[in-house]
Amino acid sequence: MSVKATLLKRGASPAHSFSVSKHDFPHFLKVWHYHTELELVYTKQSDGTRFIGDNISRFQARELVLIGSNLPHMYQNDEAYFQNDSQLRAEAHVVHFSPSFLNTSLGEIPELRQIHLLIEKAKLGLLFTQETADKIAPLIMELDGLHDLERMLSFLKILSILAQSPEASTIATPGFVNHFDQAGDAKLDMVYDHVMQHFQEDIKVDAIADLVSMNKSSFCRYFKKTTQKTFTEFLNEVRIGFACKVLMEKQMGILETSYYCGYNNISHFNRQFKKKVKMSPSEYLRTRR
């Protein structure tokens, strides 16, 4: 998966300030992409792995996520969805809206301040609790049948409920999002792209520094200042995130997974896994299964 995400157009029609769509396919499209519009997605039925920023996690039915402006993402269904005789479906209700859709005189209304804060928080992606998702589900599914002012008022009600949901958890890390917002940083683009394509291999900091024509110490300072993490921390996050995906999909055992994700030492893999996930790989497997 390359970090060079595809820019897609998700704008609303001239007659509307946001778009509403229903997706009902045998499986979701495997496209790593981003768009300027925020995306509120309620997964009615489907499961698999979602990639949002540098986060790789399982998704399942009845999940509600708000993806921020320009935050790369992709929903990837399990292999069962791609079998010729599969009866599985990927169904979701999606709303796309511009981060500036309230930037009018209406946006100055004090009561809308919480919604502005919600849009700002969504830069990292937000995962809402099951209680909130169940509350929002009927509202988002009926949006497409509403018109004009009634449609807008219902959408504002949805955003108001989400803005008042204190349990929402962020998805991507600030380091990734801060990088992606910095348009035109060719060096970081090269580093991210190389890591995403080669993280299963042995990657040396010296080689990455050479890739962007910097000496090792200068590169390490540059990367830490720009992303708020060391290159080694970033590499471990990518590898462990992928390891979670492999383990969750039961593709192989823990030892095989450690080697498959770029670790030549099982003890080092276990330490890094526990550091990021807060439990050992075996505990993680037991919890997920």
Protein backbone atom coordinates (compact mmCIF):
# COMPACT_ATOMS: atom_id res chain seq x y z
CA MET A 1 0.00 0.00 0.00
CA SER A 2 1.61 3.24 -1.14
CA VAL A 3 1.31 6.39 0.95
CA LYS A 4 0.67 8.32 -2.28
CA ALA A 5 -3.07 8.28 -1.83
CA THR A 6 -5.40 9.07 -4.71
CA LEU A 7 -7.29 12.36 -4.55
CA LEU A 8 -10.99 11.72 -5.20
CA LYS A 9 -13.79 14.19 -5.84
CA ARG A 10 -16.56 13.89 -3.25
CA GLY A 11 -18.28 17.27 -3.57
CA ALA A 12 -22.02 17.85 -3.24
CA SER A 13 -24.22 19.09 -6.08
CA PRO A 14 -24.69 22.87 -6.41
CA ALA A 15 -28.16 22.46 -4.87
CA HIS A 16 -26.83 20.93 -1.63
CA SER A 17 -24.16 21.71 0.97
CA PHE A 18 -23.44 18.01 1.58
CA SER A 19 -23.92 14.72 -0.28
CA VAL A 20 -25.60 11.53 0.94
CA SER A 21 -25.06 8.12 -0.60
CA LYS A 22 -25.76 4.46 0.10
CA HIS A 23 -23.12 1.86 -0.81
CA ASP A 24 -24.33 -1.70 -1.30
CA PHE A 25 -21.77 -3.89 -3.09
CA PRO A 26 -20.29 -7.39 -2.82
CA HIS A 27 -17.24 -5.67 -1.27
CA PHE A 28 -15.80 -2.20 -0.76
CA LEU A 29 -13.34 -0.81 -3.30
CA LYS A 30 -9.72 -1.27 -2.23
CA VAL A 31 -8.56 2.27 -3.01
CA TRP A 32 -6.17 4.17 -0.69
CA HIS A 33 -7.51 7.69 -1.16
CA TYR A 34 -8.33 11.05 0.38
CA HIS A 35 -10.55 14.04 -0.35
CA THR A 36 -11.04 17.55 0.97
CA GLU A 37 -14.53 16.69 2.23
CA LEU A 38 -15.09 15.09 5.63
CA GLU A 39 -16.67 11.62 5.47
CA LEU A 40 -19.21 10.33 7.98
CA VAL A 41 -19.64 6.61 7.36
CA TYR A 42 -22.03 4.22 9.07
CA THR A 43 -21.22 0.60 8.17
CA LYS A 44 -24.58 -1.17 8.22
CA GLN A 45 -23.14 -4.57 7.30
CA SER A 46 -19.61 -5.68 6.41
CA ASP A 47 -16.35 -6.40 8.15
CA GLY A 48 -12.65 -6.35 7.40
CA THR A 49 -9.70 -4.05 7.96
CA ARG A 50 -9.77 -0.26 7.76
CA PHE A 51 -6.74 1.89 7.09
CA ILE A 52 -7.07 5.48 8.32
CA GLY A 53 -3.88 7.54 8.35
CA ASP A 54 -1.29 5.30 10.01
CA ASN A 55 -3.90 3.27 11.90
CA ILE A 56 -4.79 -0.27 10.83
CA SER A 57 -7.78 -1.75 12.69
CA ARG A 58 -10.67 -4.11 12.27
CA PHE A 59 -14.09 -2.72 11.35
CA GLN A 60 -17.44 -4.41 11.64
CA ALA A 61 -21.17 -3.84 11.21
CA ARG A 62 -22.84 -0.95 13.09
CA GLU A 63 -19.63 1.08 13.24
CA LEU A 64 -19.70 4.89 12.94
CA VAL A 65 -16.58 6.82 11.90
CA LEU A 66 -15.93 10.45 10.98
CA ILE A 67 -12.91 10.87 8.70
CA GLY A 68 -11.35 14.33 8.52
CA SER A 69 -10.48 16.45 5.52
CA ASN A 70 -7.51 15.13 3.47
CA LEU A 71 -7.03 12.12 5.79
CA PRO A 72 -6.10 9.08 3.63
CA HIS A 73 -8.20 5.98 4.20
CA MET A 74 -9.33 2.66 2.77
CA TYR A 75 -11.79 -0.06 3.79
CA GLN A 76 -10.64 -3.57 2.85
CA ASN A 77 -12.97 -6.54 3.21
CA ASP A 78 -11.83 -10.01 4.26
CA GLU A 79 -10.94 -12.59 1.63
CA ALA A 80 -14.33 -14.29 2.03
CA TYR A 81 -15.98 -11.31 0.29
CA PHE A 82 -13.97 -11.94 -2.88
CA GLN A 83 -14.91 -15.61 -3.34
CA ASN A 84 -16.97 -16.39 -6.44
CA ASP A 85 -19.78 -17.98 -4.40
CA SER A 86 -19.85 -15.30 -1.70
CA GLN A 87 -23.25 -14.03 -0.56
CA LEU A 88 -21.71 -11.37 1.67
CA ARG A 89 -22.50 -7.68 1.18
CA ALA A 90 -20.73 -4.45 2.04
CA GLU A 91 -23.39 -1.88 2.89
CA ALA A 92 -22.72 1.60 4.25
CA HIS A 93 -24.45 4.99 4.46
CA VAL A 94 -22.07 7.87 3.79
CA VAL A 95 -22.24 11.65 4.10
CA HIS A 96 -19.56 13.90 2.57
CA PHE A 97 -19.36 17.57 3.52
CA SER A 98 -16.84 20.36 3.13
CA PRO A 99 -14.90 21.50 6.23
CA SER A 100 -16.04 25.02 5.34
CA PHE A 101 -19.73 24.27 4.79
CA LEU A 102 -20.62 26.39 7.84
CA ASN A 103 -18.20 29.21 6.97
CA THR A 104 -20.95 31.75 6.33
CA SER A 105 -22.73 34.19 8.59
CA LEU A 106 -24.56 31.10 9.88
CA GLY A 107 -21.23 29.73 11.08
CA GLU A 108 -20.87 32.63 13.51
CA ILE A 109 -23.83 31.43 15.60
CA PRO A 110 -22.50 30.52 19.09
CA GLU A 111 -24.63 27.36 19.25
CA LEU A 112 -22.67 25.93 16.31
CA ARG A 113 -19.29 26.27 18.03
CA GLN A 114 -19.33 22.61 19.12
CA ILE A 115 -19.75 21.48 15.52
CA HIS A 116 -16.73 23.56 14.47
CA LEU A 117 -14.73 21.85 17.22
CA LEU A 118 -15.97 18.45 16.00
CA ILE A 119 -14.71 19.21 12.48
CA GLU A 120 -11.32 20.18 13.92
CA LYS A 121 -11.07 16.98 16.00
CA ALA A 122 -11.99 14.89 12.96
CA LYS A 123 -8.60 15.66 11.38
CA LEU A 124 -7.34 12.55 13.18
CA GLY A 125 -10.47 10.52 12.42
CA LEU A 126 -13.03 9.75 15.12
CA LEU A 127 -14.50 6.39 16.12
CA PHE A 128 -17.76 6.69 18.06
CA THR A 129 -19.15 4.36 20.70
CA GLN A 130 -21.74 1.72 19.85
CA GLU A 131 -24.34 3.69 21.79
CA THR A 132 -23.73 6.79 19.65
CA ALA A 133 -23.63 4.74 16.43
CA ASP A 134 -26.99 3.14 17.21
CA LYS A 135 -28.47 6.55 17.97
CA ILE A 136 -27.17 8.07 14.69
CA ALA A 137 -27.94 5.09 12.41
CA PRO A 138 -31.68 5.77 11.79
CA LEU A 139 -31.00 9.50 11.31
CA ILE A 140 -28.26 9.01 8.72
CA MET A 141 -30.24 6.34 6.84
CA GLU A 142 -33.26 8.62 6.40
CA LEU A 143 -31.25 11.65 5.19
CA ASP A 144 -31.51 10.71 1.51
CA GLY A 145 -35.31 10.86 1.63
CA LEU A 146 -35.40 14.38 3.05
CA HIS A 147 -35.30 17.65 1.13
CA ASP A 148 -33.84 21.13 1.49
CA LEU A 149 -34.22 22.70 4.96
CA GLU A 150 -35.55 19.50 6.56
CA ARG A 151 -32.48 17.67 5.24
CA MET A 152 -30.09 20.31 6.57
CA LEU A 153 -31.74 20.45 10.01
CA SER A 154 -31.53 16.67 10.33
CA PHE A 155 -27.85 16.72 9.40
CA LEU A 156 -27.15 19.48 11.93
CA LYS A 157 -28.90 17.34 14.54
CA ILE A 158 -26.55 14.46 13.66
CA LEU A 159 -23.48 16.68 13.97
CA SER A 160 -24.76 18.09 17.26
CA ILE A 161 -25.12 14.60 18.74
CA LEU A 162 -21.62 13.67 17.56
CA ALA A 163 -20.16 16.92 18.91
CA GLN A 164 -21.60 16.12 22.35
CA SER A 165 -20.27 12.55 22.36
CA PRO A 166 -17.31 12.72 24.79
CA GLU A 167 -16.35 9.06 24.37
CA ALA A 168 -15.27 9.38 20.72
CA SER A 169 -11.72 8.10 20.25
CA THR A 170 -9.19 9.41 17.74
CA ILE A 171 -7.87 7.00 15.11
CA ALA A 172 -4.73 8.28 13.36
CA THR A 173 -1.71 9.73 15.18
CA PRO A 174 -0.91 13.47 15.11
CA GLY A 175 2.49 12.80 13.54
CA PHE A 176 0.95 11.26 10.44
CA VAL A 177 -1.71 13.92 10.03
CA ASN A 178 0.72 16.79 10.60
CA HIS A 179 2.89 15.35 7.86
CA PHE A 180 0.05 14.90 5.41
CA ASP A 181 -1.12 18.47 5.89
CA GLN A 182 2.29 19.76 4.84
CA ALA A 183 1.81 19.89 1.10
CA GLY A 184 4.87 19.63 -1.08
CA ASP A 185 7.26 18.03 1.43
CA ALA A 186 9.00 15.82 -1.13
CA LYS A 187 11.44 14.33 1.38
CA LEU A 188 8.72 13.01 3.69
CA ASP A 189 6.74 11.75 0.71
CA MET A 190 9.76 9.69 -0.34
CA VAL A 191 10.32 8.37 3.19
CA TYR A 192 6.67 7.39 3.78
CA ASP A 193 6.35 5.82 0.37
CA HIS A 194 9.55 3.78 0.80
CA VAL A 195 8.55 2.56 4.25
CA MET A 196 5.03 1.57 3.19
CA GLN A 197 6.44 -0.49 0.34
CA HIS A 198 9.45 -2.03 2.13
CA PHE A 199 8.62 -2.22 5.86
CA GLN A 200 8.72 -6.03 5.71
CA GLU A 201 12.39 -5.81 4.77
CA ASP A 202 15.44 -4.74 6.77
CA ILE A 203 15.43 -0.92 6.73
CA LYS A 204 18.42 1.04 8.02
CA VAL A 205 18.19 4.69 9.04
CA ASP A 206 21.40 5.37 7.09
CA ALA A 207 19.77 4.11 3.89
CA ILE A 208 16.69 6.29 4.43
CA ALA A 209 18.91 9.32 5.06
CA ASP A 210 20.74 8.60 1.79
CA LEU A 211 17.39 8.29 0.03
CA VAL A 212 16.59 11.93 0.82
CA SER A 213 20.21 13.12 0.42
CA MET A 214 20.81 13.91 4.09
CA ASN A 215 23.32 12.67 6.63
CA LYS A 216 21.99 10.41 9.37
CA SER A 217 21.99 12.92 12.25
CA SER A 218 20.37 15.68 10.16
CA PHE A 219 17.68 13.30 8.93
CA CYS A 220 16.88 12.07 12.45
CA ARG A 221 16.49 15.65 13.72
CA TYR A 222 14.39 16.59 10.68
CA PHE A 223 12.07 13.58 10.99
CA LYS A 224 11.57 14.01 14.74
CA LYS A 225 10.85 17.73 14.42
CA THR A 226 8.36 17.18 11.59
CA THR A 227 6.47 14.13 12.86
CA GLN A 228 7.02 14.34 16.65
CA LYS A 229 8.44 10.80 16.65
CA THR A 230 11.71 9.15 15.73
CA PHE A 231 12.03 7.27 12.46
CA THR A 232 12.43 4.01 14.38
CA GLU A 233 9.21 4.69 16.32
CA PHE A 234 7.38 5.35 13.07
CA LEU A 235 8.74 2.18 11.44
CA ASN A 236 7.71 0.12 14.46
CA GLU A 237 4.20 1.63 14.40
CA VAL A 238 3.78 0.64 10.75
CA ARG A 239 5.10 -2.89 11.35
CA ILE A 240 3.05 -3.52 14.49
CA GLY A 241 -0.08 -2.08 12.88
CA PHE A 242 0.35 -4.53 10.03
CA ALA A 243 1.08 -7.36 12.49
CA CYS A 244 -2.28 -6.66 14.17
CA LYS A 245 -3.97 -6.99 10.80
CA VAL A 246 -2.20 -10.30 10.08
CA LEU A 247 -3.04 -11.74 13.51
CA MET A 248 -6.66 -10.58 13.39
CA GLU A 249 -7.13 -12.26 10.03
CA LYS A 250 -5.54 -15.46 11.43
CA GLN A 251 -3.22 -15.74 8.45
CA MET A 252 -0.28 -17.14 10.43
CA GLY A 253 1.12 -17.72 13.91
CA ILE A 254 2.98 -15.22 16.10
CA LEU A 255 6.50 -16.35 15.13
CA GLU A 256 5.68 -16.31 11.41
CA THR A 257 4.00 -12.92 11.79
CA SER A 258 7.07 -11.40 13.45
CA TYR A 259 9.29 -12.36 10.51
CA TYR A 260 6.63 -11.46 7.95
CA CYS A 261 6.39 -7.93 9.39
CA GLY A 262 10.14 -7.25 9.27
CA TYR A 263 11.37 -8.46 12.67
CA ASN A 264 14.28 -10.89 12.80
CA ASN A 265 14.01 -11.37 16.56
CA ILE A 266 10.82 -12.66 18.20
CA SER A 267 11.71 -11.09 21.57
CA HIS A 268 12.12 -7.67 19.96
CA PHE A 269 8.81 -8.14 18.15
CA ASN A 270 7.05 -9.03 21.41
CA ARG A 271 8.50 -5.95 23.18
CA GLN A 272 7.49 -3.58 20.40
CA PHE A 273 4.03 -5.15 20.12
CA LYS A 274 3.38 -4.78 23.84
CA LYS A 275 4.69 -1.21 23.81
CA LYS A 276 2.22 -0.13 21.13
CA VAL A 277 -0.80 -2.39 21.77
CA LYS A 278 -0.44 -2.60 25.59
CA MET A 279 -0.64 -6.41 25.53
CA SER A 280 1.41 -9.30 24.19
CA PRO A 281 0.63 -10.83 20.77
CA SER A 282 -0.79 -13.97 22.44
CA GLU A 283 -3.02 -11.86 24.74
CA TYR A 284 -4.09 -9.85 21.69
CA LEU A 285 -5.09 -13.01 19.87
CA ARG A 286 -7.08 -14.32 22.83
CA THR A 287 -8.89 -11.00 23.21
CA ARG A 288 -9.80 -10.72 19.53
CA ARG A 289 -10.94 -14.32 19.18
